[in-house]
Amino acid sequence: MKQKILMISAVVVISGVFSSALLACSAMGPSTHAGKVLSIDEDKSTFTILDMETLSPITFNADQTIMQQIMDAEGAAIVDFTGEGASLTATGVRSR
């Protein structure tokens, strides 16, 4: 009986942790993505993150100021952007 209660409690806790992480991008608004920085291409002035919500790579165009901020990011970043589909332009970056 104790084992069954412990198992159910663990499932509830784990579900809560993962569901809040998956809703992170949605909760921040329609023009914000958060995730791990996967790559930075200085020549093209682009960078790619692995979106926390969709677990898909998202590439952003960026000006030099944003590029410098993303290069200083350690691991994860929150990116504010404009645009739609494959043509996204970063307007702000916050390191996590």
PDB file of N, CA and C in Angstrom:
ATOM      1  N   MET A   1       0.821  -1.191   0.000  1.00  0.00           N
ATOM      2  CA  MET A   1       0.000   0.000   0.000  1.00  0.00           C
ATOM      3  C   MET A   1       0.866   1.257   0.000  1.00  0.00           C
ATOM      4  N   LYS A   2       1.898   1.286   0.862  1.00  0.00           N
ATOM      5  CA  LYS A   2       2.783   2.441   0.918  1.00  0.00           C
ATOM      6  C   LYS A   2       3.489   2.648  -0.417  1.00  0.00           C
ATOM      7  N   GLN A   3       3.877   1.554  -1.038  1.00  0.00           N
ATOM      8  CA  GLN A   3       4.577   1.641  -2.319  1.00  0.00           C
ATOM      9  C   GLN A   3       3.667   2.240  -3.392  1.00  0.00           C
ATOM     10  N   LYS A   4       2.405   1.858  -3.385  1.00  0.00           N
ATOM     11  CA  LYS A   4       1.451   2.372  -4.364  1.00  0.00           C
ATOM     12  C   LYS A   4       1.246   3.878  -4.163  1.00  0.00           C
ATOM     13  N   ILE A   5       1.111   4.330  -2.942  1.00  0.00           N
ATOM     14  CA  ILE A   5       0.950   5.752  -2.637  1.00  0.00           C
ATOM     15  C   ILE A   5       2.195   6.528  -3.042  1.00  0.00           C
ATOM     16  N   LEU A   6       3.358   5.966  -2.756  1.00  0.00           N
ATOM     17  CA  LEU A   6       4.608   6.612  -3.133  1.00  0.00           C
ATOM     18  C   LEU A   6       4.724   6.748  -4.645  1.00  0.00           C
ATOM     19  N   MET A   7       4.342   5.701  -5.366  1.00  0.00           N
ATOM     20  CA  MET A   7       4.398   5.710  -6.828  1.00  0.00           C
ATOM     21  C   MET A   7       3.454   6.770  -7.399  1.00  0.00           C
ATOM     22  N   ILE A   8       2.247   6.846  -6.899  1.00  0.00           N
ATOM     23  CA  ILE A   8       1.275   7.836  -7.365  1.00  0.00           C
ATOM     24  C   ILE A   8       1.769   9.249  -7.072  1.00  0.00           C
ATOM     25  N   SER A   9       2.330   9.454  -5.890  1.00  0.00           N
ATOM     26  CA  SER A   9       2.869  10.770  -5.526  1.00  0.00           C
ATOM     27  C   SER A   9       4.003  11.174  -6.467  1.00  0.00           C
ATOM     28  N   ALA A  10       4.866  10.242  -6.787  1.00  0.00           N
ATOM     29  CA  ALA A  10       5.981  10.530  -7.693  1.00  0.00           C
ATOM     30  C   ALA A  10       5.480  10.914  -9.077  1.00  0.00           C
ATOM     31  N   VAL A  11       4.492  10.208  -9.576  1.00  0.00           N
ATOM     32  CA  VAL A  11       3.928  10.513 -10.892  1.00  0.00           C
ATOM     33  C   VAL A  11       3.308  11.912 -10.904  1.00  0.00           C
ATOM     34  N   VAL A  12       2.600  12.274  -9.846  1.00  0.00           N
ATOM     35  CA  VAL A  12       1.982  13.604  -9.761  1.00  0.00           C
ATOM     36  C   VAL A  12       3.046  14.691  -9.757  1.00  0.00           C
ATOM     37  N   VAL A  13       4.088  14.527  -8.983  1.00  0.00           N
ATOM     38  CA  VAL A  13       5.162  15.522  -8.911  1.00  0.00           C
ATOM     39  C   VAL A  13       5.875  15.652 -10.251  1.00  0.00           C
ATOM     40  N   ILE A  14       6.235  14.557 -10.855  1.00  0.00           N
ATOM     41  CA  ILE A  14       6.932  14.572 -12.149  1.00  0.00           C
ATOM     42  C   ILE A  14       6.053  15.213 -13.219  1.00  0.00           C
ATOM     43  N   SER A  15       4.785  14.894 -13.236  1.00  0.00           N
ATOM     44  CA  SER A  15       3.865  15.484 -14.213  1.00  0.00           C
ATOM     45  C   SER A  15       3.791  16.993 -14.050  1.00  0.00           C
ATOM     46  N   GLY A  16       3.751  17.466 -12.836  1.00  0.00           N
ATOM     47  CA  GLY A  16       3.701  18.906 -12.581  1.00  0.00           C
ATOM     48  C   GLY A  16       4.945  19.618 -13.052  1.00  0.00           C
ATOM     49  N   VAL A  17       6.099  19.032 -12.833  1.00  0.00           N
ATOM     50  CA  VAL A  17       7.360  19.630 -13.257  1.00  0.00           C
ATOM     51  C   VAL A  17       7.432  19.717 -14.776  1.00  0.00           C
ATOM     52  N   PHE A  18       7.134  18.627 -15.459  1.00  0.00           N
ATOM     53  CA  PHE A  18       7.237  18.622 -16.910  1.00  0.00           C
ATOM     54  C   PHE A  18       6.173  19.487 -17.569  1.00  0.00           C
ATOM     55  N   SER A  19       4.968  19.510 -17.051  1.00  0.00           N
ATOM     56  CA  SER A  19       3.920  20.314 -17.682  1.00  0.00           C
ATOM     57  C   SER A  19       4.217  21.793 -17.554  1.00  0.00           C
ATOM     58  N   SER A  20       4.791  22.243 -16.451  1.00  0.00           N
ATOM     59  CA  SER A  20       5.116  23.664 -16.313  1.00  0.00           C
ATOM     60  C   SER A  20       6.254  24.057 -17.249  1.00  0.00           C
ATOM     61  N   ALA A  21       7.209  23.168 -17.470  1.00  0.00           N
ATOM     62  CA  ALA A  21       8.295  23.474 -18.410  1.00  0.00           C
ATOM     63  C   ALA A  21       7.775  23.527 -19.834  1.00  0.00           C
ATOM     64  N   LEU A  22       6.872  22.630 -20.180  1.00  0.00           N
ATOM     65  CA  LEU A  22       6.325  22.605 -21.537  1.00  0.00           C
ATOM     66  C   LEU A  22       5.466  23.814 -21.828  1.00  0.00           C
ATOM     67  N   LEU A  23       4.846  24.393 -20.828  1.00  0.00           N
ATOM     68  CA  LEU A  23       4.002  25.561 -21.030  1.00  0.00           C
ATOM     69  C   LEU A  23       4.768  26.869 -20.906  1.00  0.00           C
ATOM     70  N   ALA A  24       6.065  26.790 -20.687  1.00  0.00           N
ATOM     71  CA  ALA A  24       6.868  27.982 -20.441  1.00  0.00           C
ATOM     72  C   ALA A  24       6.770  28.988 -21.570  1.00  0.00           C
ATOM     73  N   CYS A  25       6.933  28.570 -22.812  1.00  0.00           N
ATOM     74  CA  CYS A  25       6.888  29.500 -23.938  1.00  0.00           C
ATOM     75  C   CYS A  25       5.502  30.102 -24.091  1.00  0.00           C
ATOM     76  N   SER A  26       4.479  29.299 -23.978  1.00  0.00           N
ATOM     77  CA  SER A  26       3.108  29.797 -24.103  1.00  0.00           C
ATOM     78  C   SER A  26       2.803  30.832 -23.027  1.00  0.00           C
ATOM     79  N   ALA A  27       3.276  30.608 -21.836  1.00  0.00           N
ATOM     80  CA  ALA A  27       3.014  31.510 -20.726  1.00  0.00           C
ATOM     81  C   ALA A  27       3.716  32.856 -20.893  1.00  0.00           C
ATOM     82  N   MET A  28       4.812  32.880 -21.646  1.00  0.00           N
ATOM     83  CA  MET A  28       5.562  34.121 -21.833  1.00  0.00           C
ATOM     84  C   MET A  28       4.959  35.007 -22.914  1.00  0.00           C
ATOM     85  N   GLY A  29       4.057  34.476 -23.713  1.00  0.00           N
ATOM     86  CA  GLY A  29       3.405  35.289 -24.739  1.00  0.00           C
ATOM     87  C   GLY A  29       3.683  34.780 -26.135  1.00  0.00           C
ATOM     88  N   PRO A  30       2.960  35.337 -27.106  1.00  0.00           N
ATOM     89  CA  PRO A  30       3.046  34.840 -28.482  1.00  0.00           C
ATOM     90  C   PRO A  30       4.320  35.216 -29.222  1.00  0.00           C
ATOM     91  N   SER A  31       5.071  36.170 -28.707  1.00  0.00           N
ATOM     92  CA  SER A  31       6.282  36.585 -29.415  1.00  0.00           C
ATOM     93  C   SER A  31       7.540  36.335 -28.599  1.00  0.00           C
ATOM     94  N   THR A  32       7.540  35.242 -27.832  1.00  0.00           N
ATOM     95  CA  THR A  32       8.693  34.875 -27.011  1.00  0.00           C
ATOM     96  C   THR A  32       8.898  33.368 -27.076  1.00  0.00           C
ATOM     97  N   HIS A  33      10.145  32.975 -27.249  1.00  0.00           N
ATOM     98  CA  HIS A  33      10.520  31.562 -27.178  1.00  0.00           C
ATOM     99  C   HIS A  33      11.650  31.433 -26.162  1.00  0.00           C
ATOM    100  N   ALA A  34      11.728  30.272 -25.522  1.00  0.00           N
ATOM    101  CA  ALA A  34      12.802  29.991 -24.580  1.00  0.00           C
ATOM    102  C   ALA A  34      13.372  28.624 -24.897  1.00  0.00           C
ATOM    103  N   GLY A  35      14.677  28.495 -24.740  1.00  0.00           N
ATOM    104  CA  GLY A  35      15.282  27.197 -24.965  1.00  0.00           C
ATOM    105  C   GLY A  35      16.796  27.240 -24.922  1.00  0.00           C
ATOM    106  N   LYS A  36      17.377  26.088 -25.164  1.00  0.00           N
ATOM    107  CA  LYS A  36      18.826  25.916 -25.153  1.00  0.00           C
ATOM    108  C   LYS A  36      19.407  26.441 -26.469  1.00  0.00           C
ATOM    109  N   VAL A  37      20.496  27.183 -26.368  1.00  0.00           N
ATOM    110  CA  VAL A  37      21.178  27.683 -27.557  1.00  0.00           C
ATOM    111  C   VAL A  37      21.899  26.512 -28.221  1.00  0.00           C
ATOM    112  N   LEU A  38      21.527  26.230 -29.474  1.00  0.00           N
ATOM    113  CA  LEU A  38      22.138  25.122 -30.211  1.00  0.00           C
ATOM    114  C   LEU A  38      23.311  25.564 -31.063  1.00  0.00           C
ATOM    115  N   SER A  39      23.140  26.691 -31.774  1.00  0.00           N
ATOM    116  CA  SER A  39      24.218  27.148 -32.652  1.00  0.00           C
ATOM    117  C   SER A  39      24.132  28.652 -32.874  1.00  0.00           C
ATOM    118  N   ILE A  40      25.283  29.216 -33.231  1.00  0.00           N
ATOM    119  CA  ILE A  40      25.396  30.634 -33.536  1.00  0.00           C
ATOM    120  C   ILE A  40      26.199  30.753 -34.821  1.00  0.00           C
ATOM    121  N   ASP A  41      25.653  31.467 -35.812  1.00  0.00           N
ATOM    122  CA  ASP A  41      26.337  31.685 -37.083  1.00  0.00           C
ATOM    123  C   ASP A  41      26.590  33.177 -37.232  1.00  0.00           C
ATOM    124  N   GLU A  42      27.798  33.599 -36.861  1.00  0.00           N
ATOM    125  CA  GLU A  42      28.141  35.024 -36.912  1.00  0.00           C
ATOM    126  C   GLU A  42      28.116  35.568 -38.332  1.00  0.00           C
ATOM    127  N   ASP A  43      28.536  34.779 -39.313  1.00  0.00           N
ATOM    128  CA  ASP A  43      28.577  35.239 -40.703  1.00  0.00           C
ATOM    129  C   ASP A  43      27.181  35.577 -41.236  1.00  0.00           C
ATOM    130  N   LYS A  44      26.192  34.782 -40.875  1.00  0.00           N
ATOM    131  CA  LYS A  44      24.821  35.003 -41.344  1.00  0.00           C
ATOM    132  C   LYS A  44      23.996  35.837 -40.361  1.00  0.00           C
ATOM    133  N   SER A  45      24.569  36.154 -39.203  1.00  0.00           N
ATOM    134  CA  SER A  45      23.863  36.867 -38.126  1.00  0.00           C
ATOM    135  C   SER A  45      22.581  36.138 -37.726  1.00  0.00           C
ATOM    136  N   THR A  46      22.732  34.829 -37.477  1.00  0.00           N
ATOM    137  CA  THR A  46      21.608  34.008 -37.026  1.00  0.00           C
ATOM    138  C   THR A  46      22.042  33.144 -35.846  1.00  0.00           C
ATOM    139  N   PHE A  47      21.056  32.706 -35.087  1.00  0.00           N
ATOM    140  CA  PHE A  47      21.305  31.721 -34.036  1.00  0.00           C
ATOM    141  C   PHE A  47      20.089  30.822 -33.933  1.00  0.00           C
ATOM    142  N   THR A  48      20.297  29.631 -33.387  1.00  0.00           N
ATOM    143  CA  THR A  48      19.240  28.632 -33.276  1.00  0.00           C
ATOM    144  C   THR A  48      19.141  28.164 -31.839  1.00  0.00           C
ATOM    145  N   ILE A  49      17.897  28.068 -31.347  1.00  0.00           N
ATOM    146  CA  ILE A  49      17.651  27.506 -30.025  1.00  0.00           C
ATOM    147  C   ILE A  49      16.782  26.259 -30.175  1.00  0.00           C
ATOM    148  N   LEU A  50      16.835  25.389 -29.176  1.00  0.00           N
ATOM    149  CA  LEU A  50      15.929  24.245 -29.099  1.00  0.00           C
ATOM    150  C   LEU A  50      14.782  24.682 -28.201  1.00  0.00           C
ATOM    151  N   ASP A  51      13.631  24.954 -28.803  1.00  0.00           N
ATOM    152  CA  ASP A  51      12.482  25.480 -28.083  1.00  0.00           C
ATOM    153  C   ASP A  51      12.034  24.512 -26.985  1.00  0.00           C
ATOM    154  N   MET A  52      11.832  25.029 -25.769  1.00  0.00           N
ATOM    155  CA  MET A  52      11.443  24.200 -24.626  1.00  0.00           C
ATOM    156  C   MET A  52      10.063  23.590 -24.787  1.00  0.00           C
ATOM    157  N   GLU A  53       9.159  24.301 -25.443  1.00  0.00           N
ATOM    158  CA  GLU A  53       7.788  23.825 -25.549  1.00  0.00           C
ATOM    159  C   GLU A  53       7.620  22.789 -26.655  1.00  0.00           C
ATOM    160  N   THR A  54       8.155  23.089 -27.839  1.00  0.00           N
ATOM    161  CA  THR A  54       7.949  22.200 -28.985  1.00  0.00           C
ATOM    162  C   THR A  54       9.074  21.194 -29.175  1.00  0.00           C
ATOM    163  N   LEU A  55      10.193  21.413 -28.497  1.00  0.00           N
ATOM    164  CA  LEU A  55      11.395  20.593 -28.652  1.00  0.00           C
ATOM    165  C   LEU A  55      11.863  20.569 -30.109  1.00  0.00           C
ATOM    166  N   SER A  56      11.667  21.693 -30.792  1.00  0.00           N
ATOM    167  CA  SER A  56      12.087  21.859 -32.181  1.00  0.00           C
ATOM    168  C   SER A  56      13.095  22.999 -32.257  1.00  0.00           C
ATOM    169  N   PRO A  57      14.038  22.920 -33.203  1.00  0.00           N
ATOM    170  CA  PRO A  57      14.975  24.033 -33.384  1.00  0.00           C
ATOM    171  C   PRO A  57      14.267  25.225 -34.024  1.00  0.00           C
ATOM    172  N   ILE A  58      14.580  26.425 -33.539  1.00  0.00           N
ATOM    173  CA  ILE A  58      14.043  27.665 -34.097  1.00  0.00           C
ATOM    174  C   ILE A  58      15.215  28.590 -34.361  1.00  0.00           C
ATOM    175  N   THR A  59      15.291  29.104 -35.594  1.00  0.00           N
ATOM    176  CA  THR A  59      16.392  29.987 -35.989  1.00  0.00           C
ATOM    177  C   THR A  59      15.889  31.425 -36.068  1.00  0.00           C
ATOM    178  N   PHE A  60      16.698  32.338 -35.535  1.00  0.00           N
ATOM    179  CA  PHE A  60      16.386  33.759 -35.518  1.00  0.00           C
ATOM    180  C   PHE A  60      17.457  34.548 -36.260  1.00  0.00           C
ATOM    181  N   ASN A  61      17.046  35.573 -36.995  1.00  0.00           N
ATOM    182  CA  ASN A  61      17.962  36.578 -37.519  1.00  0.00           C
ATOM    183  C   ASN A  61      18.188  37.575 -36.390  1.00  0.00           C
ATOM    184  N   ALA A  62      19.334  38.241 -36.386  1.00  0.00           N
ATOM    185  CA  ALA A  62      19.611  39.168 -35.295  1.00  0.00           C
ATOM    186  C   ALA A  62      20.600  40.248 -35.727  1.00  0.00           C
ATOM    187  N   ASP A  63      20.497  41.421 -35.086  1.00  0.00           N
ATOM    188  CA  ASP A  63      21.485  42.469 -35.332  1.00  0.00           C
ATOM    189  C   ASP A  63      22.720  42.200 -34.468  1.00  0.00           C
ATOM    190  N   GLN A  64      23.716  43.036 -34.594  1.00  0.00           N
ATOM    191  CA  GLN A  64      24.986  42.800 -33.885  1.00  0.00           C
ATOM    192  C   GLN A  64      24.828  42.840 -32.360  1.00  0.00           C
ATOM    193  N   THR A  65      23.961  43.712 -31.869  1.00  0.00           N
ATOM    194  CA  THR A  65      23.749  43.798 -30.418  1.00  0.00           C
ATOM    195  C   THR A  65      23.176  42.493 -29.878  1.00  0.00           C
ATOM    196  N   ILE A  66      22.160  41.972 -30.557  1.00  0.00           N
ATOM    197  CA  ILE A  66      21.544  40.705 -30.141  1.00  0.00           C
ATOM    198  C   ILE A  66      22.544  39.560 -30.282  1.00  0.00           C
ATOM    199  N   MET A  67      23.319  39.567 -31.373  1.00  0.00           N
ATOM    200  CA  MET A  67      24.315  38.510 -31.579  1.00  0.00           C
ATOM    201  C   MET A  67      25.322  38.490 -30.426  1.00  0.00           C
ATOM    202  N   GLN A  68      25.738  39.659 -29.972  1.00  0.00           N
ATOM    203  CA  GLN A  68      26.686  39.718 -28.851  1.00  0.00           C
ATOM    204  C   GLN A  68      26.038  39.158 -27.584  1.00  0.00           C
ATOM    205  N   GLN A  69      24.772  39.487 -27.362  1.00  0.00           N
ATOM    206  CA  GLN A  69      24.079  38.980 -26.174  1.00  0.00           C
ATOM    207  C   GLN A  69      23.933  37.467 -26.222  1.00  0.00           C
ATOM    208  N   ILE A  70      23.614  36.912 -27.385  1.00  0.00           N
ATOM    209  CA  ILE A  70      23.423  35.460 -27.474  1.00  0.00           C
ATOM    210  C   ILE A  70      24.759  34.735 -27.344  1.00  0.00           C
ATOM    211  N   MET A  71      25.836  35.361 -27.801  1.00  0.00           N
ATOM    212  CA  MET A  71      27.158  34.729 -27.646  1.00  0.00           C
ATOM    213  C   MET A  71      27.567  34.681 -26.177  1.00  0.00           C
ATOM    214  N   ASP A  72      27.069  35.630 -25.398  1.00  0.00           N
ATOM    215  CA  ASP A  72      27.369  35.663 -23.964  1.00  0.00           C
ATOM    216  C   ASP A  72      26.443  34.759 -23.151  1.00  0.00           C
ATOM    217  N   ALA A  73      25.357  34.277 -23.778  1.00  0.00           N
ATOM    218  CA  ALA A  73      24.400  33.413 -23.075  1.00  0.00           C
ATOM    219  C   ALA A  73      25.061  32.068 -22.774  1.00  0.00           C
ATOM    220  N   GLU A  74      24.804  31.571 -21.598  1.00  0.00           N
ATOM    221  CA  GLU A  74      25.364  30.286 -21.202  1.00  0.00           C
ATOM    222  C   GLU A  74      24.252  29.250 -21.145  1.00  0.00           C
ATOM    223  N   GLY A  75      24.129  28.482 -22.201  1.00  0.00           N
ATOM    224  CA  GLY A  75      23.160  27.387 -22.205  1.00  0.00           C
ATOM    225  C   GLY A  75      21.798  27.747 -22.735  1.00  0.00           C
ATOM    226  N   ALA A  76      21.005  28.474 -21.949  1.00  0.00           N
ATOM    227  CA  ALA A  76      19.627  28.750 -22.339  1.00  0.00           C
ATOM    228  C   ALA A  76      19.391  30.248 -22.477  1.00  0.00           C
ATOM    229  N   ALA A  77      18.366  30.589 -23.269  1.00  0.00           N
ATOM    230  CA  ALA A  77      18.026  31.987 -23.475  1.00  0.00           C
ATOM    231  C   ALA A  77      16.529  32.132 -23.683  1.00  0.00           C
ATOM    232  N   ILE A  78      16.038  33.312 -23.346  1.00  0.00           N
ATOM    233  CA  ILE A  78      14.669  33.709 -23.642  1.00  0.00           C
ATOM    234  C   ILE A  78      14.769  34.738 -24.751  1.00  0.00           C
ATOM    235  N   VAL A  79      14.068  34.492 -25.860  1.00  0.00           N
ATOM    236  CA  VAL A  79      14.195  35.339 -27.043  1.00  0.00           C
ATOM    237  C   VAL A  79      12.851  35.989 -27.354  1.00  0.00           C
ATOM    238  N   ASP A  80      12.843  37.327 -27.396  1.00  0.00           N
ATOM    239  CA  ASP A  80      11.692  38.076 -27.886  1.00  0.00           C
ATOM    240  C   ASP A  80      11.912  38.267 -29.378  1.00  0.00           C
ATOM    241  N   PHE A  81      10.836  38.174 -30.183  1.00  0.00           N
ATOM    242  CA  PHE A  81      11.026  38.224 -31.624  1.00  0.00           C
ATOM    243  C   PHE A  81       9.830  38.846 -32.336  1.00  0.00           C
ATOM    244  N   THR A  82      10.050  39.168 -33.614  1.00  0.00           N
ATOM    245  CA  THR A  82       8.984  39.574 -34.518  1.00  0.00           C
ATOM    246  C   THR A  82       9.044  38.648 -35.717  1.00  0.00           C
ATOM    247  N   GLY A  83       7.951  38.608 -36.487  1.00  0.00           N
ATOM    248  CA  GLY A  83       7.921  37.789 -37.691  1.00  0.00           C
ATOM    249  C   GLY A  83       7.115  36.525 -37.485  1.00  0.00           C
ATOM    250  N   GLU A  84       7.023  35.756 -38.578  1.00  0.00           N
ATOM    251  CA  GLU A  84       6.259  34.514 -38.555  1.00  0.00           C
ATOM    252  C   GLU A  84       6.989  33.427 -39.314  1.00  0.00           C
ATOM    253  N   GLY A  85       6.635  32.177 -39.012  1.00  0.00           N
ATOM    254  CA  GLY A  85       7.180  31.040 -39.753  1.00  0.00           C
ATOM    255  C   GLY A  85       8.688  30.953 -39.664  1.00  0.00           C
ATOM    256  N   ALA A  86       9.332  30.829 -40.820  1.00  0.00           N
ATOM    257  CA  ALA A  86      10.784  30.660 -40.860  1.00  0.00           C
ATOM    258  C   ALA A  86      11.531  31.992 -40.843  1.00  0.00           C
ATOM    259  N   SER A  87      10.814  33.098 -40.877  1.00  0.00           N
ATOM    260  CA  SER A  87      11.448  34.413 -40.907  1.00  0.00           C
ATOM    261  C   SER A  87      11.227  35.140 -39.586  1.00  0.00           C
ATOM    262  N   LEU A  88      12.019  34.765 -38.583  1.00  0.00           N
ATOM    263  CA  LEU A  88      11.916  35.368 -37.258  1.00  0.00           C
ATOM    264  C   LEU A  88      13.123  36.249 -36.998  1.00  0.00           C
ATOM    265  N   THR A  89      12.883  37.423 -36.430  1.00  0.00           N
ATOM    266  CA  THR A  89      13.964  38.342 -36.097  1.00  0.00           C
ATOM    267  C   THR A  89      13.945  38.585 -34.592  1.00  0.00           C
ATOM    268  N   ALA A  90      15.053  38.294 -33.932  1.00  0.00           N
ATOM    269  CA  ALA A  90      15.161  38.502 -32.494  1.00  0.00           C
ATOM    270  C   ALA A  90      15.188  40.003 -32.196  1.00  0.00           C
ATOM    271  N   THR A  91      14.398  40.407 -31.203  1.00  0.00           N
ATOM    272  CA  THR A  91      14.382  41.811 -30.774  1.00  0.00           C
ATOM    273  C   THR A  91      14.946  41.980 -29.371  1.00  0.00           C
ATOM    274  N   GLY A  92      15.152  40.879 -28.674  1.00  0.00           N
ATOM    275  CA  GLY A  92      15.726  40.911 -27.333  1.00  0.00           C
ATOM    276  C   GLY A  92      16.096  39.515 -26.890  1.00  0.00           C
ATOM    277  N   VAL A  93      17.134  39.435 -26.049  1.00  0.00           N
ATOM    278  CA  VAL A  93      17.597  38.143 -25.535  1.00  0.00           C
ATOM    279  C   VAL A  93      17.915  38.295 -24.058  1.00  0.00           C
ATOM    280  N   ARG A  94      17.435  37.343 -23.273  1.00  0.00           N
ATOM    281  CA  ARG A  94      17.784  37.291 -21.851  1.00  0.00           C
ATOM    282  C   ARG A  94      18.385  35.918 -21.578  1.00  0.00           C
ATOM    283  N   SER A  95      19.511  35.899 -20.904  1.00  0.00           N
ATOM    284  CA  SER A  95      20.163  34.631 -20.559  1.00  0.00           C
ATOM    285  C   SER A  95      19.498  34.050 -19.333  1.00  0.00           C
ATOM    286  N   ARG A  96      19.525  32.724 -19.287  1.00  0.00           N
ATOM    287  CA  ARG A  96      18.970  32.034 -18.137  1.00  0.00           C
ATOM    288  C   ARG A  96      20.072  31.310 -17.427  1.00  0.00           C
TER     289      ARG A  96
END
